[in-house]
Amino acid sequence: MALPPEHRTRIKICGLTREADVDAAVQAGADAIGFVLYEKSPRHVDAARAGELASRLPPFVTPVVLLVNASETLIRQALEAVPHALLQFHGDETPAQCEAAARPYIRAARMAPGFNLLDFALSFSSAQAMLVDAHVEGYGGGGQVFDWSMLPKALARPMILSGGLHPGNVVEGVMSVRPWAVDVSSGVEVGKGIKDAALMRQFCQAVRTADRRCAEAA
């Protein structure tokens, strides 16, 4: 999907666990806030807690619920607690499992040598976007950057760049990949699940800097 030179890269900040961090992320300029409903994650919150945190979001800031091979019960609880949530499937879910909730969703893709993102995206044609992340042991990117040259120049679905992004490398990431959006978690933390307001602000400012440079170079 080719992006116009004036494209504004959307920003998702994921793995929030505290009210103050939600407020700071919104003030920094985040377009979406992610809540991790995966018990093995150090950033885990349950559905009720996600609902409490999401209730602080103003209009036009999207709550995203991250799920990993979740049960139908957990998905139902998540949607009851955060009724306007965008779902993000980060496990081994099939297209049918992602579509079963009948809600808009993002599908995560774990990039590794030999992985065919084009075919993967085609199989999840109902996804709102594809989130590309590093392939590590377990689920999630582990805060690691992957080789961006593995990414195709065009994709049938909007692409969200994730994996090891932080204020110091996101300009390069945006200018190299030209994604629809970027996703950050550990890159704006002072501890697992503990965000830093200054780092979130610097990250968002860096994305805007990258957008300006892309427009100037066009």
N, C-alpha and C. Protein backbone atom coordinates (compact mmCIF):
# COMPACT_ATOMS: atom_id res chain seq x y z
N MET A 1 0.85 -1.20 0.00
CA MET A 1 0.00 0.00 0.00
C MET A 1 0.88 1.24 0.00
N ALA A 2 0.91 1.97 -1.12
CA ALA A 2 1.73 3.18 -1.21
C ALA A 2 1.10 4.29 -0.39
N LEU A 3 1.93 5.03 0.32
CA LEU A 3 1.44 6.11 1.16
C LEU A 3 1.77 7.46 0.53
N PRO A 4 0.85 8.43 0.61
CA PRO A 4 1.14 9.75 0.07
C PRO A 4 2.24 10.43 0.89
N PRO A 5 3.00 11.35 0.28
CA PRO A 5 4.11 11.98 1.01
C PRO A 5 3.66 12.74 2.25
N GLU A 6 2.42 13.22 2.26
CA GLU A 6 1.94 13.98 3.42
C GLU A 6 1.30 13.10 4.48
N HIS A 7 1.45 11.78 4.36
CA HIS A 7 0.85 10.85 5.30
C HIS A 7 1.31 11.12 6.73
N ARG A 8 0.36 11.11 7.66
CA ARG A 8 0.69 11.24 9.08
C ARG A 8 0.73 9.85 9.68
N THR A 9 1.90 9.44 10.11
CA THR A 9 2.06 8.12 10.70
C THR A 9 1.33 8.05 12.03
N ARG A 10 0.44 7.09 12.17
CA ARG A 10 -0.29 6.92 13.42
C ARG A 10 0.62 6.29 14.47
N ILE A 11 0.31 6.55 15.73
CA ILE A 11 1.15 6.09 16.84
C ILE A 11 0.32 5.30 17.83
N LYS A 12 0.76 4.07 18.10
CA LYS A 12 0.15 3.25 19.13
C LYS A 12 1.18 3.02 20.24
N ILE A 13 0.79 3.28 21.46
CA ILE A 13 1.62 2.98 22.63
C ILE A 13 0.96 1.83 23.36
N CYS A 14 1.70 0.75 23.55
CA CYS A 14 1.11 -0.50 24.03
C CYS A 14 1.65 -0.88 25.41
N GLY A 15 0.87 -1.72 26.10
CA GLY A 15 1.31 -2.27 27.38
C GLY A 15 1.16 -1.32 28.55
N LEU A 16 0.11 -0.51 28.53
CA LEU A 16 -0.09 0.44 29.63
C LEU A 16 -0.82 -0.23 30.79
N THR A 17 -0.43 0.13 32.00
CA THR A 17 -0.99 -0.50 33.21
C THR A 17 -1.43 0.51 34.25
N ARG A 18 -1.11 1.81 34.04
CA ARG A 18 -1.40 2.81 35.07
C ARG A 18 -2.16 3.99 34.48
N GLU A 19 -3.03 4.57 35.30
CA GLU A 19 -3.82 5.73 34.86
C GLU A 19 -2.93 6.88 34.40
N ALA A 20 -1.90 7.19 35.18
CA ALA A 20 -1.02 8.32 34.85
C ALA A 20 -0.35 8.13 33.50
N ASP A 21 -0.03 6.88 33.17
CA ASP A 21 0.62 6.60 31.89
C ASP A 21 -0.35 6.74 30.73
N VAL A 22 -1.59 6.34 30.94
CA VAL A 22 -2.61 6.52 29.91
C VAL A 22 -2.78 8.01 29.61
N ASP A 23 -2.89 8.81 30.66
CA ASP A 23 -3.06 10.25 30.48
C ASP A 23 -1.86 10.87 29.77
N ALA A 24 -0.66 10.45 30.16
CA ALA A 24 0.55 10.99 29.56
C ALA A 24 0.69 10.58 28.10
N ALA A 25 0.29 9.36 27.77
CA ALA A 25 0.35 8.90 26.38
C ALA A 25 -0.58 9.72 25.50
N VAL A 26 -1.77 9.99 26.00
CA VAL A 26 -2.73 10.81 25.25
C VAL A 26 -2.16 12.21 25.05
N GLN A 27 -1.62 12.79 26.10
CA GLN A 27 -1.06 14.14 26.01
C GLN A 27 0.13 14.19 25.05
N ALA A 28 0.87 13.08 24.97
CA ALA A 28 2.03 13.04 24.07
C ALA A 28 1.62 13.00 22.60
N GLY A 29 0.40 12.54 22.34
CA GLY A 29 -0.09 12.50 20.96
C GLY A 29 -0.38 11.12 20.41
N ALA A 30 -0.52 10.12 21.28
CA ALA A 30 -0.82 8.78 20.81
C ALA A 30 -2.20 8.71 20.17
N ASP A 31 -2.31 7.96 19.09
CA ASP A 31 -3.59 7.75 18.42
C ASP A 31 -4.32 6.53 18.96
N ALA A 32 -3.56 5.59 19.54
CA ALA A 32 -4.13 4.36 20.07
C ALA A 32 -3.35 3.92 21.29
N ILE A 33 -4.06 3.29 22.23
CA ILE A 33 -3.46 2.82 23.48
C ILE A 33 -3.75 1.32 23.59
N GLY A 34 -2.69 0.53 23.84
CA GLY A 34 -2.84 -0.91 23.89
C GLY A 34 -2.82 -1.47 25.29
N PHE A 35 -3.70 -2.44 25.54
CA PHE A 35 -3.77 -3.13 26.82
C PHE A 35 -3.56 -4.62 26.57
N VAL A 36 -2.63 -5.22 27.32
CA VAL A 36 -2.21 -6.60 27.08
C VAL A 36 -3.01 -7.55 27.98
N LEU A 37 -3.86 -8.37 27.38
CA LEU A 37 -4.65 -9.35 28.13
C LEU A 37 -4.04 -10.75 27.93
N TYR A 38 -2.77 -10.84 28.22
CA TYR A 38 -2.03 -12.10 28.09
C TYR A 38 -1.30 -12.33 29.40
N GLU A 39 -1.70 -13.35 30.13
CA GLU A 39 -1.24 -13.52 31.50
C GLU A 39 0.26 -13.70 31.64
N LYS A 40 0.93 -14.20 30.61
CA LYS A 40 2.36 -14.43 30.71
C LYS A 40 3.18 -13.17 30.45
N SER A 41 2.53 -12.09 30.07
CA SER A 41 3.23 -10.84 29.82
C SER A 41 3.42 -10.06 31.12
N PRO A 42 4.58 -9.42 31.32
CA PRO A 42 4.77 -8.57 32.49
C PRO A 42 3.91 -7.32 32.46
N ARG A 43 3.29 -7.06 31.32
CA ARG A 43 2.42 -5.90 31.17
C ARG A 43 0.94 -6.29 31.21
N HIS A 44 0.67 -7.49 31.70
CA HIS A 44 -0.69 -8.02 31.70
C HIS A 44 -1.63 -7.22 32.58
N VAL A 45 -2.82 -6.98 32.07
CA VAL A 45 -3.95 -6.49 32.87
C VAL A 45 -5.14 -7.38 32.54
N ASP A 46 -6.06 -7.52 33.48
CA ASP A 46 -7.25 -8.31 33.16
C ASP A 46 -8.28 -7.42 32.46
N ALA A 47 -9.37 -8.03 32.02
CA ALA A 47 -10.36 -7.30 31.23
C ALA A 47 -10.95 -6.13 32.00
N ALA A 48 -11.23 -6.34 33.28
CA ALA A 48 -11.82 -5.26 34.07
C ALA A 48 -10.88 -4.08 34.18
N ARG A 49 -9.59 -4.38 34.42
CA ARG A 49 -8.61 -3.30 34.54
C ARG A 49 -8.43 -2.58 33.20
N ALA A 50 -8.45 -3.32 32.10
CA ALA A 50 -8.38 -2.68 30.79
C ALA A 50 -9.55 -1.72 30.60
N GLY A 51 -10.72 -2.14 31.06
CA GLY A 51 -11.88 -1.27 30.95
C GLY A 51 -11.74 0.00 31.76
N GLU A 52 -11.19 -0.11 32.96
CA GLU A 52 -10.96 1.07 33.80
C GLU A 52 -10.02 2.05 33.11
N LEU A 53 -8.93 1.52 32.57
CA LEU A 53 -7.94 2.38 31.93
C LEU A 53 -8.49 2.98 30.64
N ALA A 54 -9.20 2.18 29.86
CA ALA A 54 -9.75 2.66 28.59
C ALA A 54 -10.79 3.75 28.80
N SER A 55 -11.45 3.74 29.94
CA SER A 55 -12.50 4.75 30.20
C SER A 55 -11.92 6.15 30.29
N ARG A 56 -10.60 6.26 30.43
CA ARG A 56 -9.96 7.57 30.53
C ARG A 56 -9.68 8.17 29.15
N LEU A 57 -9.82 7.38 28.10
CA LEU A 57 -9.45 7.85 26.77
C LEU A 57 -10.47 8.84 26.22
N PRO A 58 -10.00 9.91 25.62
CA PRO A 58 -10.92 10.87 24.99
C PRO A 58 -11.38 10.35 23.63
N PRO A 59 -12.35 11.01 23.00
CA PRO A 59 -12.76 10.61 21.66
C PRO A 59 -11.58 10.64 20.69
N PHE A 60 -11.60 9.72 19.74
CA PHE A 60 -10.61 9.62 18.66
C PHE A 60 -9.27 9.04 19.10
N VAL A 61 -9.16 8.59 20.34
CA VAL A 61 -8.01 7.79 20.76
C VAL A 61 -8.53 6.36 20.94
N THR A 62 -8.00 5.44 20.17
CA THR A 62 -8.56 4.09 20.08
C THR A 62 -7.97 3.14 21.12
N PRO A 63 -8.81 2.45 21.90
CA PRO A 63 -8.30 1.39 22.77
C PRO A 63 -8.08 0.12 21.96
N VAL A 64 -6.94 -0.52 22.19
CA VAL A 64 -6.61 -1.77 21.50
C VAL A 64 -6.37 -2.84 22.56
N VAL A 65 -7.02 -3.98 22.40
CA VAL A 65 -6.86 -5.10 23.32
C VAL A 65 -6.00 -6.17 22.65
N LEU A 66 -4.84 -6.46 23.24
CA LEU A 66 -3.91 -7.45 22.68
C LEU A 66 -4.22 -8.82 23.29
N LEU A 67 -4.41 -9.81 22.41
CA LEU A 67 -4.78 -11.16 22.83
C LEU A 67 -3.81 -12.17 22.22
N VAL A 68 -3.51 -13.22 22.98
CA VAL A 68 -2.64 -14.30 22.50
C VAL A 68 -3.35 -15.62 22.73
N ASN A 69 -3.84 -16.23 21.65
CA ASN A 69 -4.53 -17.53 21.74
C ASN A 69 -5.59 -17.51 22.85
N ALA A 70 -6.35 -16.44 22.90
CA ALA A 70 -7.31 -16.24 23.98
C ALA A 70 -8.55 -17.12 23.81
N SER A 71 -9.15 -17.45 24.93
CA SER A 71 -10.39 -18.22 24.91
C SER A 71 -11.55 -17.32 24.48
N GLU A 72 -12.63 -17.96 24.05
CA GLU A 72 -13.82 -17.19 23.70
C GLU A 72 -14.33 -16.40 24.90
N THR A 73 -14.18 -16.97 26.08
CA THR A 73 -14.62 -16.29 27.30
C THR A 73 -13.84 -15.02 27.52
N LEU A 74 -12.52 -15.07 27.38
CA LEU A 74 -11.70 -13.88 27.58
C LEU A 74 -12.01 -12.81 26.54
N ILE A 75 -12.19 -13.22 25.31
CA ILE A 75 -12.52 -12.24 24.27
C ILE A 75 -13.85 -11.57 24.58
N ARG A 76 -14.82 -12.35 25.02
CA ARG A 76 -16.12 -11.78 25.38
C ARG A 76 -15.98 -10.81 26.56
N GLN A 77 -15.20 -11.18 27.56
CA GLN A 77 -14.98 -10.31 28.71
C GLN A 77 -14.29 -9.01 28.28
N ALA A 78 -13.34 -9.12 27.37
CA ALA A 78 -12.63 -7.94 26.89
C ALA A 78 -13.57 -6.98 26.17
N LEU A 79 -14.43 -7.53 25.33
CA LEU A 79 -15.34 -6.68 24.58
C LEU A 79 -16.42 -6.07 25.47
N GLU A 80 -16.80 -6.78 26.52
CA GLU A 80 -17.76 -6.22 27.46
C GLU A 80 -17.12 -5.08 28.27
N ALA A 81 -15.84 -5.25 28.61
CA ALA A 81 -15.16 -4.24 29.42
C ALA A 81 -14.72 -3.04 28.59
N VAL A 82 -14.34 -3.30 27.34
CA VAL A 82 -13.87 -2.23 26.45
C VAL A 82 -14.68 -2.35 25.15
N PRO A 83 -15.91 -1.88 25.16
CA PRO A 83 -16.82 -2.15 24.05
C PRO A 83 -16.39 -1.57 22.71
N HIS A 84 -15.54 -0.55 22.71
CA HIS A 84 -15.12 0.06 21.45
C HIS A 84 -13.70 -0.36 21.07
N ALA A 85 -13.23 -1.44 21.64
CA ALA A 85 -11.85 -1.86 21.42
C ALA A 85 -11.62 -2.40 20.01
N LEU A 86 -10.43 -2.15 19.51
CA LEU A 86 -9.91 -2.82 18.34
C LEU A 86 -9.12 -4.02 18.85
N LEU A 87 -9.35 -5.19 18.32
CA LEU A 87 -8.67 -6.39 18.79
C LEU A 87 -7.34 -6.56 18.06
N GLN A 88 -6.32 -7.01 18.78
CA GLN A 88 -5.03 -7.32 18.18
C GLN A 88 -4.66 -8.76 18.53
N PHE A 89 -4.62 -9.61 17.51
CA PHE A 89 -4.31 -11.02 17.72
C PHE A 89 -2.82 -11.25 17.50
N HIS A 90 -2.16 -11.77 18.54
CA HIS A 90 -0.70 -11.85 18.55
C HIS A 90 -0.21 -13.28 18.72
N GLY A 91 -1.10 -14.26 18.58
CA GLY A 91 -0.70 -15.65 18.79
C GLY A 91 -0.74 -16.46 17.52
N ASP A 92 -1.32 -17.65 17.61
CA ASP A 92 -1.38 -18.56 16.47
C ASP A 92 -2.79 -18.63 15.88
N GLU A 93 -3.56 -17.59 16.07
CA GLU A 93 -4.95 -17.58 15.66
C GLU A 93 -5.09 -17.73 14.13
N THR A 94 -6.10 -18.48 13.73
CA THR A 94 -6.43 -18.63 12.31
C THR A 94 -7.30 -17.46 11.87
N PRO A 95 -7.47 -17.26 10.57
CA PRO A 95 -8.39 -16.21 10.12
C PRO A 95 -9.79 -16.39 10.71
N ALA A 96 -10.28 -17.63 10.76
CA ALA A 96 -11.63 -17.87 11.29
C ALA A 96 -11.71 -17.47 12.76
N GLN A 97 -10.68 -17.75 13.53
CA GLN A 97 -10.68 -17.38 14.95
C GLN A 97 -10.65 -15.87 15.12
N CYS A 98 -9.90 -15.18 14.28
CA CYS A 98 -9.85 -13.72 14.36
C CYS A 98 -11.20 -13.10 13.99
N GLU A 99 -11.88 -13.74 13.05
CA GLU A 99 -13.15 -13.19 12.57
C GLU A 99 -14.33 -13.55 13.46
N ALA A 100 -14.15 -14.53 14.34
CA ALA A 100 -15.27 -15.04 15.14
C ALA A 100 -15.90 -13.99 16.02
N ALA A 101 -15.10 -13.03 16.50
CA ALA A 101 -15.64 -11.99 17.37
C ALA A 101 -16.45 -10.95 16.61
N ALA A 102 -16.37 -10.99 15.28
CA ALA A 102 -17.10 -10.04 14.42
C ALA A 102 -16.79 -8.60 14.79
N ARG A 103 -15.51 -8.36 15.05
CA ARG A 103 -15.05 -7.01 15.39
C ARG A 103 -13.81 -6.68 14.56
N PRO A 104 -13.55 -5.39 14.31
CA PRO A 104 -12.33 -5.02 13.61
C PRO A 104 -11.10 -5.53 14.36
N TYR A 105 -10.10 -5.99 13.61
CA TYR A 105 -8.93 -6.53 14.29
C TYR A 105 -7.65 -6.26 13.52
N ILE A 106 -6.54 -6.31 14.26
CA ILE A 106 -5.19 -6.24 13.72
C ILE A 106 -4.58 -7.63 13.87
N ARG A 107 -3.82 -8.06 12.89
CA ARG A 107 -3.14 -9.35 12.98
C ARG A 107 -1.64 -9.10 13.06
N ALA A 108 -1.00 -9.65 14.08
CA ALA A 108 0.45 -9.53 14.22
C ALA A 108 1.14 -10.60 13.39
N ALA A 109 2.26 -10.22 12.79
CA ALA A 109 3.09 -11.14 12.01
C ALA A 109 4.50 -11.12 12.58
N ARG A 110 5.03 -12.30 12.86
CA ARG A 110 6.36 -12.42 13.46
C ARG A 110 7.37 -12.66 12.34
N MET A 111 8.20 -11.64 12.10
CA MET A 111 9.10 -11.66 10.96
C MET A 111 10.33 -12.51 11.24
N ALA A 112 10.60 -13.42 10.33
CA ALA A 112 11.77 -14.29 10.40
C ALA A 112 12.23 -14.58 8.98
N PRO A 113 13.48 -14.92 8.78
CA PRO A 113 13.95 -15.26 7.43
C PRO A 113 13.08 -16.36 6.81
N GLY A 114 12.64 -16.12 5.59
CA GLY A 114 11.81 -17.09 4.90
C GLY A 114 10.32 -16.90 5.10
N PHE A 115 9.94 -16.05 6.05
CA PHE A 115 8.51 -15.81 6.29
C PHE A 115 7.94 -14.97 5.16
N ASN A 116 6.82 -15.39 4.59
CA ASN A 116 6.20 -14.69 3.47
C ASN A 116 5.06 -13.82 3.98
N LEU A 117 5.34 -12.55 4.20
CA LEU A 117 4.34 -11.63 4.74
C LEU A 117 3.21 -11.39 3.74
N LEU A 118 3.52 -11.39 2.44
CA LEU A 118 2.48 -11.16 1.45
C LEU A 118 1.42 -12.25 1.50
N ASP A 119 1.86 -13.50 1.57
CA ASP A 119 0.90 -14.60 1.65
C ASP A 119 0.14 -14.57 2.97
N PHE A 120 0.85 -14.26 4.04
CA PHE A 120 0.22 -14.19 5.37
C PHE A 120 -0.86 -13.12 5.38
N ALA A 121 -0.56 -11.95 4.82
CA ALA A 121 -1.54 -10.86 4.79
C ALA A 121 -2.75 -11.23 3.94
N LEU A 122 -2.52 -11.94 2.84
CA LEU A 122 -3.65 -12.35 1.99
C LEU A 122 -4.57 -13.31 2.73
N SER A 123 -4.00 -14.16 3.58
CA SER A 123 -4.84 -15.11 4.31
C SER A 123 -5.66 -14.43 5.40
N PHE A 124 -5.23 -13.24 5.81
CA PHE A 124 -5.98 -12.46 6.80
C PHE A 124 -6.52 -11.20 6.12
N SER A 125 -7.20 -11.40 5.02
CA SER A 125 -7.69 -10.27 4.23
C SER A 125 -8.74 -9.43 4.95
N SER A 126 -9.34 -9.98 6.01
CA SER A 126 -10.34 -9.23 6.77
C SER A 126 -9.72 -8.35 7.85
N ALA A 127 -8.40 -8.44 8.05
CA ALA A 127 -7.74 -7.64 9.08
C ALA A 127 -7.72 -6.16 8.68
N GLN A 128 -7.83 -5.30 9.68
CA GLN A 128 -7.72 -3.87 9.43
C GLN A 128 -6.29 -3.48 9.07
N ALA A 129 -5.32 -4.20 9.64
CA ALA A 129 -3.91 -3.90 9.41
C ALA A 129 -3.08 -5.10 9.82
N MET A 130 -1.83 -5.13 9.32
CA MET A 130 -0.86 -6.15 9.73
C MET A 130 0.21 -5.47 10.58
N LEU A 131 0.43 -5.99 11.78
CA LEU A 131 1.47 -5.47 12.66
C LEU A 131 2.69 -6.38 12.53
N VAL A 132 3.81 -5.82 12.09
CA VAL A 132 5.02 -6.62 11.89
C VAL A 132 5.95 -6.43 13.09
N ASP A 133 6.40 -7.57 13.63
CA ASP A 133 7.18 -7.57 14.86
C ASP A 133 8.33 -8.56 14.71
N ALA A 134 9.28 -8.50 15.62
CA ALA A 134 10.41 -9.43 15.60
C ALA A 134 9.95 -10.83 15.99
N HIS A 135 10.59 -11.84 15.43
CA HIS A 135 10.31 -13.23 15.80
C HIS A 135 11.27 -13.64 16.91
N VAL A 136 10.73 -13.86 18.10
CA VAL A 136 11.53 -14.28 19.24
C VAL A 136 10.85 -15.48 19.89
N GLU A 137 11.50 -16.06 20.86
CA GLU A 137 10.90 -17.17 21.61
C GLU A 137 9.66 -16.67 22.33
N GLY A 138 8.57 -17.42 22.24
CA GLY A 138 7.33 -16.97 22.85
C GLY A 138 6.59 -16.02 21.92
N TYR A 139 5.78 -15.14 22.51
CA TYR A 139 4.96 -14.22 21.72
C TYR A 139 5.33 -12.78 22.06
N GLY A 140 5.22 -11.92 21.05
CA GLY A 140 5.67 -10.55 21.21
C GLY A 140 7.08 -10.40 20.67
N GLY A 141 7.49 -9.17 20.46
CA GLY A 141 8.79 -8.93 19.83
C GLY A 141 9.96 -8.87 20.78
N GLY A 142 9.69 -8.89 22.08
CA GLY A 142 10.77 -8.88 23.05
C GLY A 142 11.60 -7.61 23.03
N GLY A 143 11.06 -6.54 22.48
CA GLY A 143 11.81 -5.29 22.41
C GLY A 143 12.97 -5.33 21.44
N GLN A 144 12.92 -6.23 20.46
CA GLN A 144 14.01 -6.40 19.51
C GLN A 144 13.64 -5.86 18.14
N VAL A 145 14.61 -5.24 17.49
CA VAL A 145 14.43 -4.77 16.12
C VAL A 145 14.71 -5.93 15.16
N PHE A 146 13.93 -6.06 14.11
CA PHE A 146 14.21 -7.07 13.09
C PHE A 146 14.74 -6.36 11.83
N ASP A 147 15.14 -7.14 10.87
CA ASP A 147 15.70 -6.61 9.63
C ASP A 147 14.58 -6.05 8.76
N TRP A 148 14.48 -4.72 8.71
CA TRP A 148 13.40 -4.08 7.96
C TRP A 148 13.47 -4.36 6.47
N SER A 149 14.62 -4.77 5.98
CA SER A 149 14.73 -5.06 4.54
C SER A 149 13.91 -6.29 4.15
N MET A 150 13.47 -7.08 5.12
CA MET A 150 12.62 -8.23 4.83
C MET A 150 11.21 -7.81 4.43
N LEU A 151 10.84 -6.58 4.71
CA LEU A 151 9.47 -6.13 4.47
C LEU A 151 9.26 -5.81 2.99
N PRO A 152 8.14 -6.20 2.43
CA PRO A 152 7.85 -5.89 1.02
C PRO A 152 7.59 -4.39 0.85
N LYS A 153 7.80 -3.91 -0.35
CA LYS A 153 7.59 -2.49 -0.63
C LYS A 153 6.12 -2.12 -0.61
N ALA A 154 5.26 -3.08 -0.86
CA ALA A 154 3.82 -2.82 -0.85
C ALA A 154 3.11 -4.01 -0.21
N LEU A 155 2.02 -3.72 0.48
CA LEU A 155 1.26 -4.75 1.18
C LEU A 155 -0.21 -4.45 0.99
N ALA A 156 -1.01 -5.50 0.88
CA ALA A 156 -2.45 -5.32 0.63
C ALA A 156 -3.16 -4.65 1.79
N ARG A 157 -2.57 -4.74 2.99
CA ARG A 157 -3.19 -4.16 4.18
C ARG A 157 -2.27 -3.09 4.75
N PRO A 158 -2.81 -2.09 5.46
CA PRO A 158 -1.94 -1.12 6.13
C PRO A 158 -0.96 -1.83 7.07
N MET A 159 0.27 -1.33 7.13
CA MET A 159 1.31 -1.95 7.93
C MET A 159 1.61 -1.13 9.18
N ILE A 160 1.70 -1.82 10.31
CA ILE A 160 2.09 -1.20 11.57
C ILE A 160 3.48 -1.73 11.92
N LEU A 161 4.46 -0.85 12.02
CA LEU A 161 5.83 -1.25 12.33
C LEU A 161 6.02 -1.32 13.84
N SER A 162 6.50 -2.47 14.31
CA SER A 162 6.73 -2.69 15.73
C SER A 162 8.06 -3.41 15.88
N GLY A 163 8.47 -3.63 17.12
CA GLY A 163 9.68 -4.38 17.39
C GLY A 163 10.88 -3.50 17.70
N GLY A 164 11.13 -3.25 18.97
CA GLY A 164 12.34 -2.54 19.38
C GLY A 164 12.40 -1.07 19.04
N LEU A 165 11.27 -0.46 18.72
CA LEU A 165 11.29 0.97 18.41
C LEU A 165 11.45 1.79 19.69
N HIS A 166 12.10 2.94 19.56
CA HIS A 166 12.28 3.88 20.67
C HIS A 166 12.55 5.26 20.07
N PRO A 167 12.63 6.32 20.89
CA PRO A 167 12.81 7.65 20.32
C PRO A 167 14.06 7.80 19.45
N GLY A 168 15.07 6.98 19.68
CA GLY A 168 16.31 7.11 18.95
C GLY A 168 16.33 6.45 17.58
N ASN A 169 15.41 5.52 17.30
CA ASN A 169 15.45 4.84 16.00
C ASN A 169 14.16 4.92 15.21
N VAL A 170 13.12 5.54 15.77
CA VAL A 170 11.84 5.53 15.07
C VAL A 170 11.85 6.43 13.84
N VAL A 171 12.68 7.48 13.82
CA VAL A 171 12.78 8.31 12.62
C VAL A 171 13.29 7.46 11.46
N GLU A 172 14.35 6.70 11.71
CA GLU A 172 14.89 5.81 10.67
C GLU A 172 13.85 4.78 10.25
N GLY A 173 13.12 4.23 11.22
CA GLY A 173 12.12 3.23 10.91
C GLY A 173 11.02 3.77 10.01
N VAL A 174 10.52 4.94 10.34
CA VAL A 174 9.44 5.54 9.54
C VAL A 174 9.93 5.88 8.15
N MET A 175 11.13 6.45 8.06
CA MET A 175 11.64 6.86 6.75
C MET A 175 12.03 5.67 5.89
N SER A 176 12.45 4.57 6.51
CA SER A 176 12.85 3.39 5.75
C SER A 176 11.65 2.57 5.29
N VAL A 177 10.67 2.40 6.17
CA VAL A 177 9.56 1.49 5.91
C VAL A 177 8.32 2.21 5.39
N ARG A 178 8.15 3.48 5.80
CA ARG A 178 6.94 4.25 5.48
C ARG A 178 5.69 3.48 5.90
N PRO A 179 5.59 3.10 7.17
CA PRO A 179 4.43 2.33 7.62
C PRO A 179 3.20 3.22 7.78
N TRP A 180 2.05 2.57 7.87
CA TRP A 180 0.82 3.30 8.19
C TRP A 180 0.89 3.82 9.63
N ALA A 181 1.46 2.99 10.51
CA ALA A 181 1.53 3.34 11.92
C ALA A 181 2.75 2.70 12.55
N VAL A 182 3.11 3.16 13.74
CA VAL A 182 4.18 2.55 14.52
C VAL A 182 3.62 2.16 15.88
N ASP A 183 4.24 1.14 16.47
CA ASP A 183 3.80 0.61 17.76
C ASP A 183 5.01 0.53 18.69
N VAL A 184 4.88 1.06 19.88
CA VAL A 184 5.99 1.06 20.84
C VAL A 184 5.50 0.59 22.20
N SER A 185 6.37 -0.11 22.92
CA SER A 185 6.06 -0.53 24.28
C SER A 185 7.28 -0.34 25.17
N SER A 186 8.23 -1.28 25.11
CA SER A 186 9.39 -1.19 26.00
C SER A 186 10.27 0.01 25.71
N GLY A 187 10.21 0.54 24.49
CA GLY A 187 11.05 1.67 24.11
C GLY A 187 10.70 2.98 24.78
N VAL A 188 9.56 3.01 25.51
CA VAL A 188 9.19 4.23 26.24
C VAL A 188 8.94 3.91 27.71
N GLU A 189 9.68 2.90 28.21
CA GLU A 189 9.48 2.46 29.59
C GLU A 189 10.72 2.70 30.46
N VAL A 190 10.45 2.83 31.76
CA VAL A 190 11.53 2.83 32.76
C VAL A 190 11.52 1.52 33.53
N GLY A 191 10.51 0.71 33.31
CA GLY A 191 10.36 -0.62 33.91
C GLY A 191 9.26 -1.31 33.16
N LYS A 192 9.16 -2.62 33.25
CA LYS A 192 8.16 -3.36 32.48
C LYS A 192 6.75 -2.92 32.88
N GLY A 193 6.06 -2.35 31.93
CA GLY A 193 4.71 -1.86 32.17
C GLY A 193 4.64 -0.48 32.79
N ILE A 194 5.81 0.13 33.05
CA ILE A 194 5.87 1.46 33.65
C ILE A 194 6.40 2.43 32.60
N LYS A 195 5.51 3.23 32.03
CA LYS A 195 5.89 4.15 30.97
C LYS A 195 6.52 5.42 31.54
N ASP A 196 7.29 6.08 30.70
CA ASP A 196 7.93 7.34 31.05
C ASP A 196 7.32 8.45 30.19
N ALA A 197 6.76 9.45 30.83
CA ALA A 197 6.06 10.51 30.10
C ALA A 197 6.99 11.21 29.12
N ALA A 198 8.22 11.48 29.54
CA ALA A 198 9.17 12.18 28.67
C ALA A 198 9.52 11.33 27.45
N LEU A 199 9.73 10.03 27.65
CA LEU A 199 10.06 9.16 26.52
C LEU A 199 8.89 9.04 25.55
N MET A 200 7.68 8.98 26.06
CA MET A 200 6.51 8.92 25.17
C MET A 200 6.40 10.21 24.36
N ARG A 201 6.65 11.32 25.00
CA ARG A 201 6.61 12.61 24.29
C ARG A 201 7.71 12.68 23.22
N GLN A 202 8.91 12.22 23.58
CA GLN A 202 10.02 12.23 22.61
C GLN A 202 9.73 11.31 21.43
N PHE A 203 9.12 10.17 21.72
CA PHE A 203 8.79 9.22 20.66
C PHE A 203 7.81 9.85 19.67
N CYS A 204 6.75 10.43 20.19
CA CYS A 204 5.74 11.04 19.32
C CYS A 204 6.33 12.20 18.52
N GLN A 205 7.18 12.99 19.15
CA GLN A 205 7.82 14.09 18.44
C GLN A 205 8.73 13.57 17.33
N ALA A 206 9.42 12.46 17.60
CA ALA A 206 10.30 11.88 16.59
C ALA A 206 9.51 11.39 15.38
N VAL A 207 8.34 10.81 15.62
CA VAL A 207 7.50 10.35 14.51
C VAL A 207 7.07 11.53 13.64
N ARG A 208 6.69 12.62 14.27
CA ARG A 208 6.31 13.81 13.51
C ARG A 208 7.50 14.37 12.72
N THR A 209 8.69 14.31 13.31
CA THR A 209 9.90 14.72 12.59
C THR A 209 10.10 13.86 11.36
N ALA A 210 9.93 12.55 11.51
CA ALA A 210 10.07 11.64 10.37
C ALA A 210 9.06 11.96 9.28
N ASP A 211 7.83 12.26 9.65
CA ASP A 211 6.82 12.59 8.66
C ASP A 211 7.21 13.84 7.88
N ARG A 212 7.72 14.84 8.58
CA ARG A 212 8.14 16.07 7.89
C ARG A 212 9.28 15.78 6.90
N ARG A 213 10.23 14.96 7.31
CA ARG A 213 11.36 14.63 6.43
C ARG A 213 10.90 13.83 5.22
N CYS A 214 9.95 12.93 5.42
CA CYS A 214 9.41 12.17 4.30
C CYS A 214 8.73 13.09 3.29
N ALA A 215 7.96 14.05 3.81
CA ALA A 215 7.28 14.99 2.93
C ALA A 215 8.28 15.87 2.18
N GLU A 216 9.34 16.29 2.85
CA GLU A 216 10.35 17.14 2.22
C GLU A 216 11.12 16.37 1.14
N ALA A 217 11.30 15.07 1.36
CA ALA A 217 12.07 14.26 0.42
C ALA A 217 11.25 13.82 -0.79
N ALA A 218 9.93 13.97 -0.70
CA ALA A 218 9.06 13.49 -1.77
C ALA A 218 9.19 14.36 -3.02
